[in-house]
């Protein structure tokens, strides 16, 4: 059984790989609302990503916000980074 650990980090936007499955549900209306909210209040909910072995991040939650932040050309974003840890072997 794997366990996970997470922490809030400032990560480069360019290092985040989009999620095509999540992007399917993102339309222009959602993008416009998200952009307006980010410009007015900032990013309220951090993105949730998983760290990959190659130094990139795979997005788990917040694809619409990631798309907007990319369009806004922000260089970094706060994200909850999930890391899988192997559970200790039972003895």
PDB file of N, CA and C in Angstrom:
ATOM      1  N   UNK A   1       0.843  -1.178   0.000  1.00  0.00           N
ATOM      2  CA  UNK A   1       0.000   0.000   0.000  1.00  0.00           C
ATOM      3  C   UNK A   1       0.890   1.245   0.000  1.00  0.00           C
ATOM      4  N   UNK A   2       0.582   2.172  -0.870  1.00  0.00           N
ATOM      5  CA  UNK A   2       1.328   3.424  -0.922  1.00  0.00           C
ATOM      6  C   UNK A   2       0.636   4.463  -0.044  1.00  0.00           C
ATOM      7  N   UNK A   3       1.434   5.304   0.571  1.00  0.00           N
ATOM      8  CA  UNK A   3       0.907   6.436   1.324  1.00  0.00           C
ATOM      9  C   UNK A   3       1.409   7.694   0.632  1.00  0.00           C
ATOM     10  N   UNK A   4       0.767   8.811   0.891  1.00  0.00           N
ATOM     11  CA  UNK A   4       1.205  10.039   0.237  1.00  0.00           C
ATOM     12  C   UNK A   4       1.445  11.128   1.271  1.00  0.00           C
ATOM     13  N   UNK A   5       2.282  12.070   0.846  1.00  0.00           N
ATOM     14  CA  UNK A   5       2.596  13.235   1.665  1.00  0.00           C
ATOM     15  C   UNK A   5       2.435  14.437   0.741  1.00  0.00           C
ATOM     16  N   UNK A   6       2.013  15.552   1.282  1.00  0.00           N
ATOM     17  CA  UNK A   6       1.843  16.735   0.446  1.00  0.00           C
ATOM     18  C   UNK A   6       2.395  17.953   1.164  1.00  0.00           C
ATOM     19  N   UNK A   7       2.769  18.950   0.349  1.00  0.00           N
ATOM     20  CA  UNK A   7       3.175  20.230   0.923  1.00  0.00           C
ATOM     21  C   UNK A   7       2.911  21.320  -0.101  1.00  0.00           C
ATOM     22  N   UNK A   8       2.703  22.516   0.392  1.00  0.00           N
ATOM     23  CA  UNK A   8       2.447  23.667  -0.457  1.00  0.00           C
ATOM     24  C   UNK A   8       3.786  24.232  -0.916  1.00  0.00           C
ATOM     25  N   UNK A   9       3.941  24.378  -2.245  1.00  0.00           N
ATOM     26  CA  UNK A   9       5.192  24.870  -2.812  1.00  0.00           C
ATOM     27  C   UNK A   9       4.910  25.889  -3.905  1.00  0.00           C
ATOM     28  N   UNK A  10       5.868  26.744  -4.147  1.00  0.00           N
ATOM     29  CA  UNK A  10       5.850  27.665  -5.291  1.00  0.00           C
ATOM     30  C   UNK A  10       6.608  26.943  -6.401  1.00  0.00           C
ATOM     31  N   UNK A  11       5.921  26.644  -7.514  1.00  0.00           N
ATOM     32  CA  UNK A  11       6.554  25.874  -8.585  1.00  0.00           C
ATOM     33  C   UNK A  11       6.444  26.626  -9.914  1.00  0.00           C
ATOM     34  N   UNK A  12       7.343  26.343 -10.863  1.00  0.00           N
ATOM     35  CA  UNK A  12       7.274  27.007 -12.162  1.00  0.00           C
ATOM     36  C   UNK A  12       6.064  26.527 -12.971  1.00  0.00           C
ATOM     37  N   UNK A  13       5.320  27.464 -13.525  1.00  0.00           N
ATOM     38  CA  UNK A  13       4.136  27.123 -14.318  1.00  0.00           C
ATOM     39  C   UNK A  13       4.534  26.271 -15.524  1.00  0.00           C
ATOM     40  N   UNK A  14       5.669  26.582 -16.149  1.00  0.00           N
ATOM     41  CA  UNK A  14       6.107  25.836 -17.332  1.00  0.00           C
ATOM     42  C   UNK A  14       6.409  24.371 -17.041  1.00  0.00           C
ATOM     43  N   UNK A  15       6.632  24.034 -15.775  1.00  0.00           N
ATOM     44  CA  UNK A  15       6.956  22.656 -15.413  1.00  0.00           C
ATOM     45  C   UNK A  15       5.710  21.800 -15.197  1.00  0.00           C
ATOM     46  N   UNK A  16       4.523  22.408 -15.263  1.00  0.00           N
ATOM     47  CA  UNK A  16       3.279  21.673 -15.021  1.00  0.00           C
ATOM     48  C   UNK A  16       2.735  21.154 -16.340  1.00  0.00           C
ATOM     49  N   UNK A  17       2.556  19.844 -16.413  1.00  0.00           N
ATOM     50  CA  UNK A  17       1.974  19.228 -17.600  1.00  0.00           C
ATOM     51  C   UNK A  17       0.458  19.258 -17.465  1.00  0.00           C
ATOM     52  N   UNK A  18      -0.215  19.682 -18.535  1.00  0.00           N
ATOM     53  CA  UNK A  18      -1.669  19.727 -18.526  1.00  0.00           C
ATOM     54  C   UNK A  18      -2.273  18.342 -18.460  1.00  0.00           C
ATOM     55  N   UNK A  19      -3.541  18.281 -18.125  1.00  0.00           N
ATOM     56  CA  UNK A  19      -4.275  17.027 -18.038  1.00  0.00           C
ATOM     57  C   UNK A  19      -5.411  17.079 -19.055  1.00  0.00           C
ATOM     58  N   UNK A  20      -5.259  16.338 -20.154  1.00  0.00           N
ATOM     59  CA  UNK A  20      -6.244  16.366 -21.235  1.00  0.00           C
ATOM     60  C   UNK A  20      -7.621  15.897 -20.793  1.00  0.00           C
ATOM     61  N   UNK A  21      -7.680  14.973 -19.859  1.00  0.00           N
ATOM     62  CA  UNK A  21      -8.973  14.486 -19.375  1.00  0.00           C
ATOM     63  C   UNK A  21      -9.709  15.603 -18.642  1.00  0.00           C
ATOM     64  N   UNK A  22      -9.006  16.326 -17.783  1.00  0.00           N
ATOM     65  CA  UNK A  22      -9.638  17.446 -17.075  1.00  0.00           C
ATOM     66  C   UNK A  22      -9.957  18.600 -18.013  1.00  0.00           C
ATOM     67  N   UNK A  23      -9.123  18.803 -19.034  1.00  0.00           N
ATOM     68  CA  UNK A  23      -9.309  19.922 -19.962  1.00  0.00           C
ATOM     69  C   UNK A  23     -10.572  19.771 -20.807  1.00  0.00           C
ATOM     70  N   UNK A  24     -11.050  18.562 -20.983  1.00  0.00           N
ATOM     71  CA  UNK A  24     -12.258  18.325 -21.782  1.00  0.00           C
ATOM     72  C   UNK A  24     -13.443  19.124 -21.235  1.00  0.00           C
ATOM     73  N   UNK A  25     -13.535  19.235 -19.925  1.00  0.00           N
ATOM     74  CA  UNK A  25     -14.683  19.910 -19.312  1.00  0.00           C
ATOM     75  C   UNK A  25     -14.505  21.422 -19.194  1.00  0.00           C
ATOM     76  N   UNK A  26     -13.369  21.963 -19.652  1.00  0.00           N
ATOM     77  CA  UNK A  26     -13.110  23.394 -19.534  1.00  0.00           C
ATOM     78  C   UNK A  26     -13.534  24.101 -20.820  1.00  0.00           C
ATOM     79  N   UNK A  27     -14.505  24.989 -20.678  1.00  0.00           N
ATOM     80  CA  UNK A  27     -14.966  25.768 -21.815  1.00  0.00           C
ATOM     81  C   UNK A  27     -14.597  27.238 -21.659  1.00  0.00           C
ATOM     82  N   UNK A  28     -14.954  28.019 -22.663  1.00  0.00           N
ATOM     83  CA  UNK A  28     -14.639  29.448 -22.643  1.00  0.00           C
ATOM     84  C   UNK A  28     -15.253  30.158 -21.441  1.00  0.00           C
ATOM     85  N   UNK A  29     -16.467  29.787 -21.089  1.00  0.00           N
ATOM     86  CA  UNK A  29     -17.148  30.437 -19.962  1.00  0.00           C
ATOM     87  C   UNK A  29     -16.382  30.204 -18.659  1.00  0.00           C
ATOM     88  N   UNK A  30     -15.948  28.960 -18.438  1.00  0.00           N
ATOM     89  CA  UNK A  30     -15.179  28.652 -17.234  1.00  0.00           C
ATOM     90  C   UNK A  30     -13.854  29.398 -17.225  1.00  0.00           C
ATOM     91  N   UNK A  31     -13.208  29.474 -18.381  1.00  0.00           N
ATOM     92  CA  UNK A  31     -11.931  30.184 -18.483  1.00  0.00           C
ATOM     93  C   UNK A  31     -12.112  31.666 -18.149  1.00  0.00           C
ATOM     94  N   UNK A  32     -13.170  32.291 -18.686  1.00  0.00           N
ATOM     95  CA  UNK A  32     -13.422  33.707 -18.430  1.00  0.00           C
ATOM     96  C   UNK A  32     -13.699  33.967 -16.953  1.00  0.00           C
ATOM     97  N   UNK A  33     -14.526  33.104 -16.327  1.00  0.00           N
ATOM     98  CA  UNK A  33     -14.827  33.265 -14.906  1.00  0.00           C
ATOM     99  C   UNK A  33     -13.576  33.102 -14.059  1.00  0.00           C
ATOM    100  N   UNK A  34     -12.799  32.090 -14.405  1.00  0.00           N
ATOM    101  CA  UNK A  34     -11.576  31.826 -13.648  1.00  0.00           C
ATOM    102  C   UNK A  34     -10.591  32.979 -13.786  1.00  0.00           C
ATOM    103  N   UNK A  35     -10.431  33.503 -14.999  1.00  0.00           N
ATOM    104  CA  UNK A  35      -9.512  34.620 -15.207  1.00  0.00           C
ATOM    105  C   UNK A  35      -9.951  35.846 -14.420  1.00  0.00           C
ATOM    106  N   UNK A  36     -11.247  36.141 -14.456  1.00  0.00           N
ATOM    107  CA  UNK A  36     -11.766  37.294 -13.718  1.00  0.00           C
ATOM    108  C   UNK A  36     -11.507  37.132 -12.219  1.00  0.00           C
ATOM    109  N   UNK A  37     -11.755  35.943 -11.688  1.00  0.00           N
ATOM    110  CA  UNK A  37     -11.548  35.697 -10.259  1.00  0.00           C
ATOM    111  C   UNK A  37     -10.068  35.788  -9.885  1.00  0.00           C
ATOM    112  N   UNK A  38      -9.191  35.238 -10.715  1.00  0.00           N
ATOM    113  CA  UNK A  38      -7.760  35.282 -10.422  1.00  0.00           C
ATOM    114  C   UNK A  38      -7.247  36.716 -10.468  1.00  0.00           C
ATOM    115  N   UNK A  39      -7.710  37.489 -11.446  1.00  0.00           N
ATOM    116  CA  UNK A  39      -7.276  38.892 -11.529  1.00  0.00           C
ATOM    117  C   UNK A  39      -7.773  39.707 -10.337  1.00  0.00           C
ATOM    118  N   UNK A  40      -8.987  39.407  -9.880  1.00  0.00           N
ATOM    119  CA  UNK A  40      -9.570  40.180  -8.792  1.00  0.00           C
ATOM    120  C   UNK A  40      -9.094  39.734  -7.407  1.00  0.00           C
ATOM    121  N   UNK A  41      -9.014  38.409  -7.190  1.00  0.00           N
ATOM    122  CA  UNK A  41      -8.724  37.892  -5.853  1.00  0.00           C
ATOM    123  C   UNK A  41      -7.414  37.108  -5.753  1.00  0.00           C
ATOM    124  N   UNK A  42      -6.816  36.799  -6.875  1.00  0.00           N
ATOM    125  CA  UNK A  42      -5.668  35.898  -6.870  1.00  0.00           C
ATOM    126  C   UNK A  42      -6.155  34.460  -6.913  1.00  0.00           C
ATOM    127  N   UNK A  43      -5.237  33.546  -6.901  1.00  0.00           N
ATOM    128  CA  UNK A  43      -5.596  32.127  -6.928  1.00  0.00           C
ATOM    129  C   UNK A  43      -6.058  31.717  -5.532  1.00  0.00           C
ATOM    130  N   UNK A  44      -7.350  31.455  -5.382  1.00  0.00           N
ATOM    131  CA  UNK A  44      -7.933  31.158  -4.079  1.00  0.00           C
ATOM    132  C   UNK A  44      -7.610  29.730  -3.643  1.00  0.00           C
ATOM    133  N   UNK A  45      -7.760  28.781  -4.556  1.00  0.00           N
ATOM    134  CA  UNK A  45      -7.461  27.380  -4.279  1.00  0.00           C
ATOM    135  C   UNK A  45      -6.192  27.009  -5.022  1.00  0.00           C
ATOM    136  N   UNK A  46      -5.198  26.511  -4.335  1.00  0.00           N
ATOM    137  CA  UNK A  46      -3.967  26.140  -5.043  1.00  0.00           C
ATOM    138  C   UNK A  46      -4.202  24.948  -5.966  1.00  0.00           C
ATOM    139  N   UNK A  47      -3.391  24.861  -7.002  1.00  0.00           N
ATOM    140  CA  UNK A  47      -3.432  23.696  -7.870  1.00  0.00           C
ATOM    141  C   UNK A  47      -2.973  22.490  -7.062  1.00  0.00           C
ATOM    142  N   UNK A  48      -3.384  21.311  -7.480  1.00  0.00           N
ATOM    143  CA  UNK A  48      -2.908  20.072  -6.863  1.00  0.00           C
ATOM    144  C   UNK A  48      -2.165  19.308  -7.953  1.00  0.00           C
ATOM    145  N   UNK A  49      -0.900  19.001  -7.686  1.00  0.00           N
ATOM    146  CA  UNK A  49      -0.059  18.341  -8.685  1.00  0.00           C
ATOM    147  C   UNK A  49       0.676  17.163  -8.047  1.00  0.00           C
ATOM    148  N   UNK A  50       1.170  16.295  -8.939  1.00  0.00           N
ATOM    149  CA  UNK A  50       2.007  15.175  -8.512  1.00  0.00           C
ATOM    150  C   UNK A  50       3.374  15.372  -9.136  1.00  0.00           C
ATOM    151  N   UNK A  51       4.414  15.235  -8.343  1.00  0.00           N
ATOM    152  CA  UNK A  51       5.780  15.395  -8.845  1.00  0.00           C
ATOM    153  C   UNK A  51       6.151  14.160  -9.665  1.00  0.00           C
ATOM    154  N   UNK A  52       6.661  14.392 -10.877  1.00  0.00           N
ATOM    155  CA  UNK A  52       7.113  13.306 -11.741  1.00  0.00           C
ATOM    156  C   UNK A  52       8.616  13.115 -11.568  1.00  0.00           C
ATOM    157  N   UNK A  53       9.102  11.967 -11.976  1.00  0.00           N
ATOM    158  CA  UNK A  53      10.526  11.666 -11.844  1.00  0.00           C
ATOM    159  C   UNK A  53      11.405  12.570 -12.698  1.00  0.00           C
ATOM    160  N   UNK A  54      10.862  13.113 -13.793  1.00  0.00           N
ATOM    161  CA  UNK A  54      11.662  13.938 -14.705  1.00  0.00           C
ATOM    162  C   UNK A  54      11.716  15.412 -14.314  1.00  0.00           C
ATOM    163  N   UNK A  55      11.188  15.758 -13.129  1.00  0.00           N
ATOM    164  CA  UNK A  55      11.221  17.136 -12.665  1.00  0.00           C
ATOM    165  C   UNK A  55       9.993  17.950 -13.039  1.00  0.00           C
ATOM    166  N   UNK A  56       9.097  17.376 -13.821  1.00  0.00           N
ATOM    167  CA  UNK A  56       7.847  18.050 -14.159  1.00  0.00           C
ATOM    168  C   UNK A  56       6.780  17.696 -13.128  1.00  0.00           C
ATOM    169  N   UNK A  57       5.618  18.310 -13.284  1.00  0.00           N
ATOM    170  CA  UNK A  57       4.493  18.054 -12.395  1.00  0.00           C
ATOM    171  C   UNK A  57       3.283  17.688 -13.252  1.00  0.00           C
ATOM    172  N   UNK A  58       2.502  16.727 -12.795  1.00  0.00           N
ATOM    173  CA  UNK A  58       1.270  16.326 -13.479  1.00  0.00           C
ATOM    174  C   UNK A  58       0.104  16.877 -12.669  1.00  0.00           C
ATOM    175  N   UNK A  59      -0.785  17.613 -13.339  1.00  0.00           N
ATOM    176  CA  UNK A  59      -1.886  18.254 -12.613  1.00  0.00           C
ATOM    177  C   UNK A  59      -2.970  17.246 -12.254  1.00  0.00           C
ATOM    178  N   UNK A  60      -3.410  17.294 -11.015  1.00  0.00           N
ATOM    179  CA  UNK A  60      -4.472  16.416 -10.517  1.00  0.00           C
ATOM    180  C   UNK A  60      -5.771  17.205 -10.391  1.00  0.00           C
ATOM    181  N   UNK A  61      -5.686  18.459  -9.952  1.00  0.00           N
ATOM    182  CA  UNK A  61      -6.864  19.315  -9.798  1.00  0.00           C
ATOM    183  C   UNK A  61      -6.473  20.763 -10.089  1.00  0.00           C
ATOM    184  N   UNK A  62      -7.353  21.464 -10.817  1.00  0.00           N
ATOM    185  CA  UNK A  62      -7.118  22.870 -11.121  1.00  0.00           C
ATOM    186  C   UNK A  62      -6.678  23.119 -12.548  1.00  0.00           C
ATOM    187  N   UNK A  63      -7.100  22.255 -13.475  1.00  0.00           N
ATOM    188  CA  UNK A  63      -6.682  22.405 -14.878  1.00  0.00           C
ATOM    189  C   UNK A  63      -7.131  23.741 -15.469  1.00  0.00           C
ATOM    190  N   UNK A  64      -8.355  24.172 -15.182  1.00  0.00           N
ATOM    191  CA  UNK A  64      -8.841  25.447 -15.712  1.00  0.00           C
ATOM    192  C   UNK A  64      -7.958  26.590 -15.216  1.00  0.00           C
ATOM    193  N   UNK A  65      -7.662  26.586 -13.939  1.00  0.00           N
ATOM    194  CA  UNK A  65      -6.816  27.627 -13.373  1.00  0.00           C
ATOM    195  C   UNK A  65      -5.409  27.578 -13.975  1.00  0.00           C
ATOM    196  N   UNK A  66      -4.891  26.372 -14.194  1.00  0.00           N
ATOM    197  CA  UNK A  66      -3.571  26.235 -14.819  1.00  0.00           C
ATOM    198  C   UNK A  66      -3.577  26.833 -16.220  1.00  0.00           C
ATOM    199  N   UNK A  67      -4.634  26.584 -16.975  1.00  0.00           N
ATOM    200  CA  UNK A  67      -4.742  27.117 -18.332  1.00  0.00           C
ATOM    201  C   UNK A  67      -4.773  28.646 -18.303  1.00  0.00           C
ATOM    202  N   UNK A  68      -5.536  29.214 -17.378  1.00  0.00           N
ATOM    203  CA  UNK A  68      -5.635  30.670 -17.258  1.00  0.00           C
ATOM    204  C   UNK A  68      -4.294  31.267 -16.839  1.00  0.00           C
ATOM    205  N   UNK A  69      -3.656  30.680 -15.844  1.00  0.00           N
ATOM    206  CA  UNK A  69      -2.370  31.179 -15.358  1.00  0.00           C
ATOM    207  C   UNK A  69      -1.322  31.116 -16.465  1.00  0.00           C
ATOM    208  N   UNK A  70      -1.364  30.072 -17.274  1.00  0.00           N
ATOM    209  CA  UNK A  70      -0.444  29.958 -18.410  1.00  0.00           C
ATOM    210  C   UNK A  70      -0.691  31.089 -19.404  1.00  0.00           C
ATOM    211  N   UNK A  71      -1.970  31.361 -19.707  1.00  0.00           N
ATOM    212  CA  UNK A  71      -2.309  32.454 -20.625  1.00  0.00           C
ATOM    213  C   UNK A  71      -1.894  33.811 -20.058  1.00  0.00           C
ATOM    214  N   UNK A  72      -1.958  33.950 -18.759  1.00  0.00           N
ATOM    215  CA  UNK A  72      -1.582  35.210 -18.106  1.00  0.00           C
ATOM    216  C   UNK A  72      -0.059  35.350 -18.008  1.00  0.00           C
ATOM    217  N   UNK A  73       0.655  34.325 -18.405  1.00  0.00           N
ATOM    218  CA  UNK A  73       2.122  34.301 -18.427  1.00  0.00           C
ATOM    219  C   UNK A  73       2.754  34.499 -17.051  1.00  0.00           C
ATOM    220  N   UNK A  74       2.110  33.928 -16.037  1.00  0.00           N
ATOM    221  CA  UNK A  74       2.720  33.940 -14.713  1.00  0.00           C
ATOM    222  C   UNK A  74       3.871  32.937 -14.720  1.00  0.00           C
ATOM    223  N   UNK A  75       4.927  33.248 -14.022  1.00  0.00           N
ATOM    224  CA  UNK A  75       6.088  32.353 -14.038  1.00  0.00           C
ATOM    225  C   UNK A  75       6.010  31.261 -12.967  1.00  0.00           C
ATOM    226  N   UNK A  76       5.398  31.566 -11.833  1.00  0.00           N
ATOM    227  CA  UNK A  76       5.267  30.560 -10.773  1.00  0.00           C
ATOM    228  C   UNK A  76       3.844  30.558 -10.226  1.00  0.00           C
ATOM    229  N   UNK A  77       3.515  29.477  -9.536  1.00  0.00           N
ATOM    230  CA  UNK A  77       2.195  29.343  -8.926  1.00  0.00           C
ATOM    231  C   UNK A  77       2.341  28.493  -7.668  1.00  0.00           C
ATOM    232  N   UNK A  78       1.502  28.778  -6.687  1.00  0.00           N
ATOM    233  CA  UNK A  78       1.480  27.945  -5.475  1.00  0.00           C
ATOM    234  C   UNK A  78       0.653  26.704  -5.767  1.00  0.00           C
ATOM    235  N   UNK A  79       1.179  25.563  -5.369  1.00  0.00           N
ATOM    236  CA  UNK A  79       0.498  24.296  -5.622  1.00  0.00           C
ATOM    237  C   UNK A  79       0.730  23.332  -4.469  1.00  0.00           C
ATOM    238  N   UNK A  80      -0.254  22.490  -4.244  1.00  0.00           N
ATOM    239  CA  UNK A  80      -0.102  21.389  -3.311  1.00  0.00           C
ATOM    240  C   UNK A  80       0.577  20.274  -4.095  1.00  0.00           C
ATOM    241  N   UNK A  81       1.788  19.907  -3.674  1.00  0.00           N
ATOM    242  CA  UNK A  81       2.557  18.882  -4.371  1.00  0.00           C
ATOM    243  C   UNK A  81       2.410  17.569  -3.606  1.00  0.00           C
ATOM    244  N   UNK A  82       1.832  16.573  -4.296  1.00  0.00           N
ATOM    245  CA  UNK A  82       1.638  15.247  -3.708  1.00  0.00           C
ATOM    246  C   UNK A  82       2.823  14.372  -4.065  1.00  0.00           C
ATOM    247  N   UNK A  83       3.323  13.662  -3.085  1.00  0.00           N
ATOM    248  CA  UNK A  83       4.409  12.719  -3.321  1.00  0.00           C
ATOM    249  C   UNK A  83       4.000  11.369  -2.781  1.00  0.00           C
ATOM    250  N   UNK A  84       4.107  10.335  -3.603  1.00  0.00           N
ATOM    251  CA  UNK A  84       3.798   8.982  -3.151  1.00  0.00           C
ATOM    252  C   UNK A  84       5.004   8.410  -2.439  1.00  0.00           C
ATOM    253  N   UNK A  85       4.745   7.779  -1.353  1.00  0.00           N
ATOM    254  CA  UNK A  85       5.791   7.125  -0.582  1.00  0.00           C
ATOM    255  C   UNK A  85       5.420   5.657  -0.463  1.00  0.00           C
ATOM    256  N   UNK A  86       6.395   4.817  -0.532  1.00  0.00           N
ATOM    257  CA  UNK A  86       6.120   3.401  -0.342  1.00  0.00           C
ATOM    258  C   UNK A  86       5.923   3.134   1.135  1.00  0.00           C
ATOM    259  N   UNK A  87       4.915   2.347   1.441  1.00  0.00           N
ATOM    260  CA  UNK A  87       4.651   2.001   2.831  1.00  0.00           C
ATOM    261  C   UNK A  87       5.723   1.038   3.316  1.00  0.00           C
ATOM    262  N   UNK A  88       6.065   1.112   4.567  1.00  0.00           N
ATOM    263  CA  UNK A  88       7.051   0.172   5.102  1.00  0.00           C
ATOM    264  C   UNK A  88       6.538  -1.251   4.998  1.00  0.00           C
ATOM    265  N   UNK A  89       7.436  -2.170   4.741  1.00  0.00           N
ATOM    266  CA  UNK A  89       7.070  -3.583   4.628  1.00  0.00           C
ATOM    267  C   UNK A  89       6.650  -4.110   5.993  1.00  0.00           C
ATOM    268  N   UNK A  90       5.601  -4.935   5.989  1.00  0.00           N
ATOM    269  CA  UNK A  90       5.171  -5.563   7.233  1.00  0.00           C
ATOM    270  C   UNK A  90       6.152  -6.668   7.593  1.00  0.00           C
ATOM    271  N   UNK A  91       6.484  -6.749   8.852  1.00  0.00           N
ATOM    272  CA  UNK A  91       7.436  -7.799   9.275  1.00  0.00           C
ATOM    273  C   UNK A  91       6.773  -8.847  10.086  1.00  0.00           C
TER     274      UNK A  91
END
